[in-house]
Protein backbone atom coordinates (compact mmCIF):
# COMPACT_ATOMS: atom_id res chain seq x y z
CA MET A 1 -53.61 35.80 -20.15
CA GLY A 2 -51.70 32.81 -21.47
CA THR A 3 -48.58 34.73 -22.54
CA GLY A 4 -46.35 32.65 -20.24
CA ILE A 5 -47.57 29.44 -21.81
CA LEU A 6 -46.91 30.85 -25.28
CA LYS A 7 -43.37 31.90 -24.27
CA GLY A 8 -42.66 28.40 -22.90
CA LEU A 9 -43.95 26.78 -26.07
CA GLY A 10 -41.77 29.15 -28.08
CA VAL A 11 -38.67 28.03 -26.17
CA THR A 12 -39.59 24.39 -26.79
CA LEU A 13 -40.16 25.06 -30.50
CA ARG A 14 -36.85 26.89 -30.83
CA HIS A 15 -34.95 23.98 -29.25
CA PHE A 16 -36.85 21.54 -31.46
CA ILE A 17 -35.82 23.38 -34.65
CA ASP A 18 -32.24 23.99 -33.46
CA THR A 19 -31.83 20.26 -32.82
CA TYR A 20 -32.39 19.43 -36.48
CA ALA A 21 -30.31 22.43 -37.57
CA GLU A 22 -27.34 21.26 -35.46
CA ASP A 23 -27.72 17.68 -36.74
CA LEU A 24 -27.80 18.88 -40.34
CA LYS A 25 -24.70 21.00 -39.76
CA TYR A 26 -22.97 17.94 -38.29
CA ILE A 27 -23.92 15.71 -41.24
CA LEU A 28 -22.85 18.27 -43.87
CA ASN A 29 -19.47 18.81 -42.29
CA LYS A 30 -17.07 19.67 -45.15
CA SER A 31 -13.83 19.38 -43.19
CA GLY A 32 -13.37 15.78 -44.30
CA VAL A 33 -12.97 14.56 -40.69
CA GLN A 34 -16.14 13.51 -38.93
CA GLN A 35 -15.74 14.83 -35.40
CA PRO A 36 -17.56 13.03 -32.58
CA ARG A 37 -20.85 14.61 -31.66
CA PRO A 38 -20.41 16.75 -28.52
CA LEU A 39 -22.33 15.58 -25.49
CA ARG A 40 -25.03 18.05 -24.60
CA ARG A 41 -25.81 19.32 -21.14
CA GLN A 42 -28.75 21.30 -19.86
CA SER A 43 -27.96 25.00 -20.10
CA PRO A 44 -29.90 28.17 -20.97
CA LYS A 45 -27.31 28.88 -23.68
CA ASN A 46 -27.51 25.41 -25.19
CA ARG A 47 -28.80 25.04 -28.75
CA GLY A 48 -30.92 22.12 -29.76
CA LEU A 49 -31.31 18.96 -27.68
CA VAL A 50 -30.59 19.45 -23.97
CA THR A 51 -30.49 15.81 -22.86
CA VAL A 52 -27.91 13.03 -23.19
CA GLU A 53 -29.26 10.21 -25.35
CA TYR A 54 -28.37 7.38 -22.99
CA PRO A 55 -27.30 4.60 -23.59
CA ARG A 56 -26.07 5.69 -27.01
CA GLU A 57 -24.35 8.64 -25.39
CA ARG A 58 -22.72 8.69 -21.98
CA LEU A 59 -21.28 11.58 -20.03
CA PRO A 60 -17.70 11.03 -18.82
CA LEU A 61 -17.60 10.14 -15.13
CA PRO A 62 -15.35 12.10 -12.76
CA GLU A 63 -12.44 10.21 -11.25
CA ASN A 64 -13.84 10.31 -7.72
CA PHE A 65 -17.24 8.93 -8.74
CA ARG A 66 -18.28 6.28 -6.21
CA TYR A 67 -20.37 3.21 -6.77
CA VAL A 68 -20.27 -0.39 -5.53
CA PRO A 69 -16.74 -1.25 -4.26
CA PHE A 70 -14.51 -3.85 -5.89
CA LEU A 71 -11.51 -5.89 -4.72
CA VAL A 72 -8.11 -5.18 -6.28
CA TYR A 73 -6.10 -8.10 -7.67
CA ASP A 74 -2.31 -7.55 -7.74
CA THR A 75 -1.22 -8.57 -11.25
CA GLU A 76 2.47 -8.33 -10.31
CA LYS A 77 2.26 -10.76 -7.39
CA GLN A 78 -0.64 -12.72 -8.91
CA ASP A 79 -2.52 -12.56 -5.63
CA ASP A 80 -5.32 -10.67 -3.91
CA LYS A 81 -4.36 -7.52 -2.05
CA CYS A 82 -7.05 -8.21 0.54
CA THR A 83 -5.79 -9.86 3.73
CA SER A 84 -9.29 -10.36 5.22
CA CYS A 85 -8.41 -8.11 8.18
CA GLY A 86 -12.06 -7.08 8.44
CA ILE A 87 -11.53 -3.33 8.85
CA CYS A 88 -13.82 -2.55 5.90
CA ALA A 89 -16.62 -4.60 7.45
CA LYS A 90 -16.16 -2.84 10.82
CA VAL A 91 -16.28 0.73 9.46
CA CYS A 92 -19.16 0.06 7.03
CA PRO A 93 -22.15 2.14 8.30
CA PRO A 94 -24.93 -0.12 6.89
CA GLN A 95 -22.92 -3.32 7.63
CA CYS A 96 -23.27 -4.63 4.07
CA ILE A 97 -19.85 -6.38 3.95
CA TRP A 98 -19.08 -9.79 5.41
CA ILE A 99 -15.90 -11.82 5.00
CA VAL A 100 -14.93 -15.46 5.54
CA ARG A 101 -11.20 -15.80 6.21
CA THR A 102 -9.15 -18.63 4.72
CA GLU A 103 -8.01 -21.27 7.20
CA ASP A 104 -4.96 -23.50 6.96
CA PRO A 105 -6.24 -27.09 6.63
CA ILE A 106 -3.41 -28.54 8.77
CA THR A 107 -2.71 -26.00 11.50
CA LYS A 108 -6.24 -24.54 11.47
CA ARG A 109 -4.68 -21.10 11.72
CA PRO A 110 -6.10 -18.15 9.75
CA VAL A 111 -4.42 -17.30 6.44
CA PRO A 112 -4.29 -13.62 5.37
CA GLN A 113 -6.50 -14.17 2.36
CA PRO A 114 -10.29 -14.02 1.99
CA LYS A 115 -12.03 -17.30 1.26
CA GLU A 116 -15.35 -15.57 0.67
CA PHE A 117 -16.18 -11.88 0.34
CA TYR A 118 -19.72 -10.53 -0.04
CA ILE A 119 -21.24 -7.06 -0.51
CA ASP A 120 -24.99 -6.56 -0.41
CA THR A 121 -25.58 -3.83 -3.01
CA THR A 122 -29.19 -3.35 -1.90
CA ILE A 123 -28.06 -1.63 1.30
CA CYS A 124 -24.62 -0.32 0.24
CA MET A 125 -24.76 3.49 0.26
CA ASN A 126 -21.50 3.95 -1.71
CA CYS A 127 -19.94 6.12 1.01
CA GLY A 128 -16.39 4.93 0.32
CA TYR A 129 -15.44 4.29 3.95
CA CYS A 130 -14.22 0.78 3.11
CA ALA A 131 -11.79 2.13 0.48
CA GLU A 132 -10.67 5.00 2.70
CA PHE A 133 -9.85 2.89 5.77
CA CYS A 134 -8.33 -0.14 4.00
CA PRO A 135 -4.64 -0.24 5.07
CA PHE A 136 -3.61 -2.32 2.04
CA ASP A 137 -5.42 -0.38 -0.74
CA ALA A 138 -7.24 -3.62 -1.50
CA ILE A 139 -10.74 -2.23 -2.02
CA LYS A 140 -11.72 0.67 -4.28
CA MET A 141 -14.89 2.34 -5.48
CA ASP A 142 -16.07 1.27 -8.93
CA HIS A 143 -17.45 3.31 -11.83
CA ASP A 144 -19.76 0.57 -13.09
CA TYR A 145 -23.30 1.71 -12.34
CA GLU A 146 -25.10 -0.52 -14.85
CA LEU A 147 -26.07 -3.34 -12.50
CA SER A 148 -29.57 -4.11 -13.72
CA TYR A 149 -30.62 -7.72 -14.24
CA TYR A 150 -33.31 -9.63 -16.08
CA PRO A 151 -36.44 -10.66 -14.13
CA THR A 152 -35.74 -14.31 -14.95
CA GLN A 153 -32.55 -14.19 -12.87
CA GLU A 154 -32.58 -14.66 -9.13
CA PRO A 155 -32.53 -11.20 -7.52
CA HIS A 156 -30.52 -12.28 -4.50
CA ALA A 157 -27.76 -13.77 -6.65
CA ARG A 158 -27.54 -10.60 -8.74
CA LEU A 159 -27.65 -8.00 -5.98
CA VAL A 160 -25.32 -9.72 -3.48
CA HIS A 161 -21.89 -9.67 -5.11
CA ASP A 162 -19.45 -12.44 -4.23
CA LYS A 163 -15.65 -12.50 -4.40
CA SER A 164 -15.47 -13.68 -8.02
CA ARG A 165 -17.64 -10.79 -9.17
CA LEU A 166 -15.99 -8.17 -6.97
CA THR A 167 -12.38 -8.99 -7.92
CA LYS A 168 -10.83 -6.84 -10.67
CA PRO A 169 -7.16 -6.34 -11.69
CA ASP A 170 -5.12 -3.36 -10.56
CA THR A 171 -4.84 -2.27 -14.20
CA TYR A 172 -8.58 -1.54 -14.11
CA HIS A 173 -8.07 0.50 -10.95
CA ALA A 174 -5.28 2.46 -12.69
CA SER A 175 -7.56 3.20 -15.66
CA ILE A 176 -10.44 4.68 -13.64
CA HIS A 177 -8.42 6.21 -10.76
CA PRO A 178 -5.13 7.44 -12.31
CA THR A 179 -4.42 10.01 -9.58
CA ASP A 180 -4.95 7.50 -6.79
CA TRP A 181 -2.86 4.93 -8.68
CA HIS A 182 0.12 7.29 -9.05
CA ARG A 183 -0.12 8.15 -5.36
CA GLU A 184 0.04 4.46 -4.48
CA LEU A 185 3.10 4.00 -6.71
CA ALA A 186 4.81 6.97 -5.05
CA ASP A 187 4.03 5.62 -1.56
CA ARG A 188 5.30 2.18 -2.57
CA ALA A 189 8.55 3.66 -3.94
CA ALA A 190 9.07 5.68 -0.76
CA GLU A 191 8.48 2.59 1.40
CA GLU A 192 10.95 0.54 -0.65
CA ALA A 193 13.56 3.31 -0.42
CA LYS A 194 13.07 3.42 3.35
CA LYS A 195 13.54 -0.35 3.63
CA LYS A 196 16.63 -0.21 1.42
CA ALA A 197 18.18 2.54 3.56
CA ALA A 198 17.49 0.54 6.72
CA ALA A 199 19.07 -2.58 5.17
CA GLU A 200 22.17 -0.63 4.13
CA ALA A 201 22.52 0.84 7.63
CA LYS A 202 22.21 -2.63 9.15
CA ALA A 203 24.82 -4.00 6.72
CA LYS A 204 27.26 -1.23 7.68
CA ALA A 205 26.72 -1.98 11.36
CA GLU A 206 27.36 -5.68 10.79
CA ALA A 207 30.52 -4.87 8.82
CA ALA A 208 31.86 -2.74 11.69
CA LYS A 209 31.55 -5.55 14.26
CA PRO A 210 34.26 -7.94 12.90
CA ALA A 211 36.82 -5.10 12.89
CA GLY A 212 36.86 -4.94 16.71
CA GLY A 213 37.04 -8.72 17.00
CA ALA A 214 40.00 -8.91 14.59
CA ALA A 215 41.95 -6.38 16.69
CA ALA A 216 41.43 -8.49 19.78
CA ALA A 217 42.51 -11.60 17.89
CA ALA A 218 45.70 -9.83 16.71
CA LYS A 219 47.04 -9.57 20.33
CA PRO A 220 50.26 -11.75 20.62
CA ALA A 221 49.84 -14.98 22.52
CA PRO A 222 52.43 -15.97 25.21
CA ALA A 223 55.31 -18.18 24.06
CA PRO A 224 55.15 -21.89 24.94
CA GLY A 225 56.81 -22.68 28.28
CA ALA A 226 56.79 -19.13 29.48
CA ALA A 227 55.77 -18.57 33.05
CA GLN A 228 52.17 -17.61 33.28
CA PRO A 229 51.40 -14.81 35.72
CA SER A 230 49.63 -16.17 38.74
CA ALA A 231 46.25 -14.84 39.49
CA PRO A 232 46.35 -12.34 42.31
CA GLY A 233 44.72 -13.62 45.47
CA PRO A 234 42.44 -11.67 47.70
CA GLU A 235 44.30 -9.00 49.66
CA LYS A 236 43.67 -8.69 53.38
CA PRO A 237 43.13 -5.28 54.82
CA ALA A 238 46.03 -3.83 56.85
CA GLN A 239 43.77 -3.19 59.83
CA ALA A 240 42.92 -6.93 60.00
CA ASP A 241 46.68 -7.83 60.16
CA ALA A 242 47.23 -5.34 62.99
CA ASP A 243 44.35 -6.78 65.01
CA LYS A 244 45.76 -10.29 64.55
CA GLY A 245 49.21 -9.21 65.83
CA SER A 246 47.79 -7.56 68.93
CA ARG A 247 45.85 -10.70 69.81
CA GLU A 248 49.00 -12.79 69.52
């Protein structure tokens, strides 16, 4: 009776002692170069501490980790990639996205740019549909999961993110999603090559048109005073002439 409890306490004691042994080995490192302390994970073969001492230690996040989305700002064009098409809001399962489109003050026509963009993080389930269906790669999933706030701040203002808080440069997107970023660059290069080929084909077609016109213009014109051939009149059928003669 009680042997299982004693075995469990023995495992805990062994990990407790190994933790200090590993720390002492790390401190007395004689290599001259202080290596960063390896992050520990829970494993039966692990020695010492089996937890990550957050926030002092953080496990590296995988590239496809999904949290609250953010809007991508094009640093090359100095403009938002979002065109306020509204596809992200339509495909969002919990309907946590709403957009106000910019309107031209003179013509009152919509401008392809969001005036306001909101995401309610209290109901966002981080599914990634908005980033997957966006045709302009203007919205991506963020890695920032530390969104806590102080009780003195207004909860609604902290949990409903507006456009200014959601917008981040494309360099940030490249740093957390390198594979996705390289894919976008490859797709952009292929699209530009396709447009260039189409423009070259159109230019060749335009260059071939004046050649036919020049040949027609090179045909010699009749000399001044020369008799111009008269236009042929309508010919009467032979049967109609025979009928006229018989009547006469």
